[in-house]
PDB file of N, CA and C in Angstrom:
ATOM      1  N   UNK A   1     111.572 103.234  96.701  1.00  0.00           N
ATOM      2  CA  UNK A   1     110.419 103.572  97.519  1.00  0.00           C
ATOM      3  C   UNK A   1     109.148 103.221  96.745  1.00  0.00           C
ATOM      4  N   UNK A   2     108.148 102.702  97.445  1.00  0.00           N
ATOM      5  CA  UNK A   2     106.911 102.307  96.781  1.00  0.00           C
ATOM      6  C   UNK A   2     105.809 103.320  97.048  1.00  0.00           C
ATOM      7  N   UNK A   3     104.801 103.285  96.186  1.00  0.00           N
ATOM      8  CA  UNK A   3     103.664 104.199  96.333  1.00  0.00           C
ATOM      9  C   UNK A   3     102.672 103.649  97.346  1.00  0.00           C
ATOM     10  N   UNK A   4     101.971 104.547  98.005  1.00  0.00           N
ATOM     11  CA  UNK A   4     100.977 104.158  99.003  1.00  0.00           C
ATOM     12  C   UNK A   4      99.731 103.628  98.302  1.00  0.00           C
ATOM     13  N   UNK A   5      99.224 102.500  98.759  1.00  0.00           N
ATOM     14  CA  UNK A   5      97.967 101.955  98.260  1.00  0.00           C
ATOM     15  C   UNK A   5      96.856 102.544  99.130  1.00  0.00           C
ATOM     16  N   UNK A   6      96.242 103.612  98.651  1.00  0.00           N
ATOM     17  CA  UNK A   6      95.269 104.358  99.445  1.00  0.00           C
ATOM     18  C   UNK A   6      94.019 103.551  99.737  1.00  0.00           C
ATOM     19  N   UNK A   7      93.595 102.717  98.785  1.00  0.00           N
ATOM     20  CA  UNK A   7      92.406 101.890  99.006  1.00  0.00           C
ATOM     21  C   UNK A   7      92.639 100.939 100.174  1.00  0.00           C
ATOM     22  N   UNK A   8      93.781 100.287 100.201  1.00  0.00           N
ATOM     23  CA  UNK A   8      94.079  99.343 101.281  1.00  0.00           C
ATOM     24  C   UNK A   8      94.226 100.068 102.610  1.00  0.00           C
ATOM     25  N   UNK A   9      94.899 101.205 102.602  1.00  0.00           N
ATOM     26  CA  UNK A   9      95.107 101.959 103.836  1.00  0.00           C
ATOM     27  C   UNK A   9      93.782 102.437 104.428  1.00  0.00           C
ATOM     28  N   UNK A  10      92.955 103.061 103.613  1.00  0.00           N
ATOM     29  CA  UNK A  10      91.683 103.588 104.115  1.00  0.00           C
ATOM     30  C   UNK A  10      90.716 102.477 104.506  1.00  0.00           C
ATOM     31  N   UNK A  11      90.707 101.387 103.744  1.00  0.00           N
ATOM     32  CA  UNK A  11      89.834 100.257 104.091  1.00  0.00           C
ATOM     33  C   UNK A  11      90.263  99.632 105.407  1.00  0.00           C
ATOM     34  N   UNK A  12      91.557  99.467 105.607  1.00  0.00           N
ATOM     35  CA  UNK A  12      92.053  98.922 106.861  1.00  0.00           C
ATOM     36  C   UNK A  12      91.706  99.803 108.042  1.00  0.00           C
ATOM     37  N   UNK A  13      91.888 101.108 107.868  1.00  0.00           N
ATOM     38  CA  UNK A  13      91.544 102.038 108.947  1.00  0.00           C
ATOM     39  C   UNK A  13      90.046 101.988 109.250  1.00  0.00           C
ATOM     40  N   UNK A  14      89.231 101.846 108.215  1.00  0.00           N
ATOM     41  CA  UNK A  14      87.780 101.779 108.389  1.00  0.00           C
ATOM     42  C   UNK A  14      87.382 100.548 109.186  1.00  0.00           C
ATOM     43  N   UNK A  15      87.943  99.381 108.841  1.00  0.00           N
ATOM     44  CA  UNK A  15      87.573  98.159 109.546  1.00  0.00           C
ATOM     45  C   UNK A  15      88.128  98.127 110.966  1.00  0.00           C
ATOM     46  N   UNK A  16      89.306  98.690 111.183  1.00  0.00           N
ATOM     47  CA  UNK A  16      89.840  98.762 112.545  1.00  0.00           C
ATOM     48  C   UNK A  16      88.958  99.668 113.407  1.00  0.00           C
ATOM     49  N   UNK A  17      88.570 100.813 112.862  1.00  0.00           N
ATOM     50  CA  UNK A  17      87.714 101.715 113.644  1.00  0.00           C
ATOM     51  C   UNK A  17      86.331 101.105 113.870  1.00  0.00           C
ATOM     52  N   UNK A  18      85.803 100.358 112.894  1.00  0.00           N
ATOM     53  CA  UNK A  18      84.516  99.686 113.104  1.00  0.00           C
ATOM     54  C   UNK A  18      84.641  98.633 114.197  1.00  0.00           C
ATOM     55  N   UNK A  19      85.758  97.921 114.241  1.00  0.00           N
ATOM     56  CA  UNK A  19      85.983  96.948 115.308  1.00  0.00           C
ATOM     57  C   UNK A  19      86.052  97.606 116.670  1.00  0.00           C
ATOM     58  N   UNK A  20      86.723  98.750 116.738  1.00  0.00           N
ATOM     59  CA  UNK A  20      86.811  99.479 118.007  1.00  0.00           C
ATOM     60  C   UNK A  20      85.421  99.933 118.457  1.00  0.00           C
ATOM     61  N   UNK A  21      84.608 100.407 117.526  1.00  0.00           N
ATOM     62  CA  UNK A  21      83.245 100.845 117.878  1.00  0.00           C
ATOM     63  C   UNK A  21      82.424  99.665 118.374  1.00  0.00           C
ATOM     64  N   UNK A  22      82.526  98.498 117.717  1.00  0.00           N
ATOM     65  CA  UNK A  22      81.760  97.336 118.157  1.00  0.00           C
ATOM     66  C   UNK A  22      82.197  96.863 119.534  1.00  0.00           C
ATOM     67  N   UNK A  23      83.486  96.959 119.844  1.00  0.00           N
ATOM     68  CA  UNK A  23      83.968  96.524 121.156  1.00  0.00           C
ATOM     69  C   UNK A  23      83.566  97.523 122.237  1.00  0.00           C
ATOM     70  N   UNK A  24      83.684  98.813 121.928  1.00  0.00           N
ATOM     71  CA  UNK A  24      83.416  99.816 122.953  1.00  0.00           C
ATOM     72  C   UNK A  24      81.927 100.117 123.125  1.00  0.00           C
ATOM     73  N   UNK A  25      81.143  99.999 122.049  1.00  0.00           N
ATOM     74  CA  UNK A  25      79.702 100.300 122.125  1.00  0.00           C
ATOM     75  C   UNK A  25      78.924  99.212 121.391  1.00  0.00           C
ATOM     76  N   UNK A  26      78.710  98.067 122.002  1.00  0.00           N
ATOM     77  CA  UNK A  26      78.010  96.971 121.303  1.00  0.00           C
ATOM     78  C   UNK A  26      76.537  97.260 121.015  1.00  0.00           C
ATOM     79  N   UNK A  27      76.011  98.351 121.540  1.00  0.00           N
ATOM     80  CA  UNK A  27      74.591  98.656 121.323  1.00  0.00           C
ATOM     81  C   UNK A  27      74.341  99.412 120.019  1.00  0.00           C
ATOM     82  N   UNK A  28      75.371  99.608 119.198  1.00  0.00           N
ATOM     83  CA  UNK A  28      75.203 100.332 117.938  1.00  0.00           C
ATOM     84  C   UNK A  28      74.389  99.464 116.971  1.00  0.00           C
ATOM     85  N   UNK A  29      73.454 100.083 116.296  1.00  0.00           N
ATOM     86  CA  UNK A  29      72.595  99.372 115.340  1.00  0.00           C
ATOM     87  C   UNK A  29      73.420  98.785 114.199  1.00  0.00           C
ATOM     88  N   UNK A  30      73.222  97.526 113.845  1.00  0.00           N
ATOM     89  CA  UNK A  30      73.979  96.924 112.739  1.00  0.00           C
ATOM     90  C   UNK A  30      73.720  97.608 111.398  1.00  0.00           C
ATOM     91  N   UNK A  31      72.511  98.077 111.162  1.00  0.00           N
ATOM     92  CA  UNK A  31      72.207  98.743 109.898  1.00  0.00           C
ATOM     93  C   UNK A  31      72.989 100.043 109.769  1.00  0.00           C
ATOM     94  N   UNK A  32      73.134 100.766 110.851  1.00  0.00           N
ATOM     95  CA  UNK A  32      73.908 102.013 110.822  1.00  0.00           C
ATOM     96  C   UNK A  32      75.374 101.710 110.541  1.00  0.00           C
ATOM     97  N   UNK A  33      75.924 100.680 111.207  1.00  0.00           N
ATOM     98  CA  UNK A  33      77.325 100.317 110.978  1.00  0.00           C
ATOM     99  C   UNK A  33      77.537  99.825 109.553  1.00  0.00           C
ATOM    100  N   UNK A  34      76.595  99.053 109.015  1.00  0.00           N
ATOM    101  CA  UNK A  34      76.709  98.567 107.642  1.00  0.00           C
ATOM    102  C   UNK A  34      76.715  99.743 106.663  1.00  0.00           C
ATOM    103  N   UNK A  35      75.843 100.711 106.886  1.00  0.00           N
ATOM    104  CA  UNK A  35      75.784 101.890 106.019  1.00  0.00           C
ATOM    105  C   UNK A  35      77.090 102.676 106.079  1.00  0.00           C
ATOM    106  N   UNK A  36      77.644 102.837 107.268  1.00  0.00           N
ATOM    107  CA  UNK A  36      78.913 103.550 107.414  1.00  0.00           C
ATOM    108  C   UNK A  36      80.040 102.789 106.729  1.00  0.00           C
ATOM    109  N   UNK A  37      80.066 101.459 106.873  1.00  0.00           N
ATOM    110  CA  UNK A  37      81.108 100.660 106.233  1.00  0.00           C
ATOM    111  C   UNK A  37      81.024 100.737 104.708  1.00  0.00           C
ATOM    112  N   UNK A  38      79.840 100.607 104.155  1.00  0.00           N
ATOM    113  CA  UNK A  38      79.687 100.666 102.698  1.00  0.00           C
ATOM    114  C   UNK A  38      80.027 102.060 102.181  1.00  0.00           C
ATOM    115  N   UNK A  39      79.576 103.082 102.878  1.00  0.00           N
ATOM    116  CA  UNK A  39      79.920 104.451 102.484  1.00  0.00           C
ATOM    117  C   UNK A  39      81.410 104.718 102.596  1.00  0.00           C
ATOM    118  N   UNK A  40      82.028 104.211 103.657  1.00  0.00           N
ATOM    119  CA  UNK A  40      83.470 104.378 103.827  1.00  0.00           C
ATOM    120  C   UNK A  40      84.264 103.660 102.758  1.00  0.00           C
ATOM    121  N   UNK A  41      83.841 102.454 102.388  1.00  0.00           N
ATOM    122  CA  UNK A  41      84.522 101.734 101.314  1.00  0.00           C
ATOM    123  C   UNK A  41      84.358 102.457  99.979  1.00  0.00           C
ATOM    124  N   UNK A  42      83.191 103.025  99.758  1.00  0.00           N
ATOM    125  CA  UNK A  42      82.987 103.814  98.540  1.00  0.00           C
ATOM    126  C   UNK A  42      83.886 105.039  98.514  1.00  0.00           C
ATOM    127  N   UNK A  43      84.009 105.710  99.637  1.00  0.00           N
ATOM    128  CA  UNK A  43      84.893 106.871  99.730  1.00  0.00           C
ATOM    129  C   UNK A  43      86.358 106.457  99.532  1.00  0.00           C
ATOM    130  N   UNK A  44      86.757 105.334 100.119  1.00  0.00           N
ATOM    131  CA  UNK A  44      88.125 104.843  99.944  1.00  0.00           C
ATOM    132  C   UNK A  44      88.399 104.510  98.478  1.00  0.00           C
ATOM    133  N   UNK A  45      87.419 103.933  97.815  1.00  0.00           N
ATOM    134  CA  UNK A  45      87.573 103.641  96.387  1.00  0.00           C
ATOM    135  C   UNK A  45      87.704 104.903  95.560  1.00  0.00           C
ATOM    136  N   UNK A  46      86.925 105.907  95.893  1.00  0.00           N
ATOM    137  CA  UNK A  46      87.005 107.180  95.181  1.00  0.00           C
ATOM    138  C   UNK A  46      88.371 107.831  95.377  1.00  0.00           C
ATOM    139  N   UNK A  47      88.884 107.807  96.601  1.00  0.00           N
ATOM    140  CA  UNK A  47      90.204 108.370  96.874  1.00  0.00           C
ATOM    141  C   UNK A  47      91.278 107.596  96.110  1.00  0.00           C
ATOM    142  N   UNK A  48      91.153 106.269  96.054  1.00  0.00           N
ATOM    143  CA  UNK A  48      92.125 105.460  95.316  1.00  0.00           C
ATOM    144  C   UNK A  48      92.102 105.789  93.830  1.00  0.00           C
ATOM    145  N   UNK A  49      90.930 105.982  93.273  1.00  0.00           N
ATOM    146  CA  UNK A  49      90.815 106.329  91.856  1.00  0.00           C
ATOM    147  C   UNK A  49      91.420 107.709  91.605  1.00  0.00           C
ATOM    148  N   UNK A  50      91.104 108.664  92.460  1.00  0.00           N
ATOM    149  CA  UNK A  50      91.679 110.013  92.300  1.00  0.00           C
ATOM    150  C   UNK A  50      93.197 109.999  92.434  1.00  0.00           C
ATOM    151  N   UNK A  51      93.723 109.201  93.367  1.00  0.00           N
ATOM    152  CA  UNK A  51      95.180 109.123  93.528  1.00  0.00           C
ATOM    153  C   UNK A  51      95.821 108.529  92.284  1.00  0.00           C
ATOM    154  N   UNK A  52      95.186 107.537  91.686  1.00  0.00           N
ATOM    155  CA  UNK A  52      95.731 106.932  90.469  1.00  0.00           C
ATOM    156  C   UNK A  52      95.700 107.914  89.300  1.00  0.00           C
ATOM    157  N   UNK A  53      94.623 108.688  89.190  1.00  0.00           N
ATOM    158  CA  UNK A  53      94.517 109.665  88.103  1.00  0.00           C
ATOM    159  C   UNK A  53      95.561 110.769  88.271  1.00  0.00           C
ATOM    160  N   UNK A  54      95.773 111.215  89.491  1.00  0.00           N
ATOM    161  CA  UNK A  54      96.743 112.293  89.746  1.00  0.00           C
ATOM    162  C   UNK A  54      98.161 111.818  89.473  1.00  0.00           C
ATOM    163  N   UNK A  55      98.464 110.549  89.750  1.00  0.00           N
ATOM    164  CA  UNK A  55      99.816 110.028  89.510  1.00  0.00           C
ATOM    165  C   UNK A  55     100.187 110.012  88.040  1.00  0.00           C
ATOM    166  N   UNK A  56      99.223 109.837  87.163  1.00  0.00           N
ATOM    167  CA  UNK A  56      99.518 109.726  85.725  1.00  0.00           C
ATOM    168  C   UNK A  56      99.678 111.036  85.065  1.00  0.00           C
TER     169      UNK A  56
END
């Protein structure tokens, strides 16, 4: 059994949800979406780092 790659999982979920938002509500401000994407990627990176530290 392999370990879950949390960074890849959370990043994928973030981009899929951003795509759904763009398709369903195209009037969303690009700056707001960019801020959410960058913040989400930062959060995903933090979770990945914490998961790696806890595994050791």
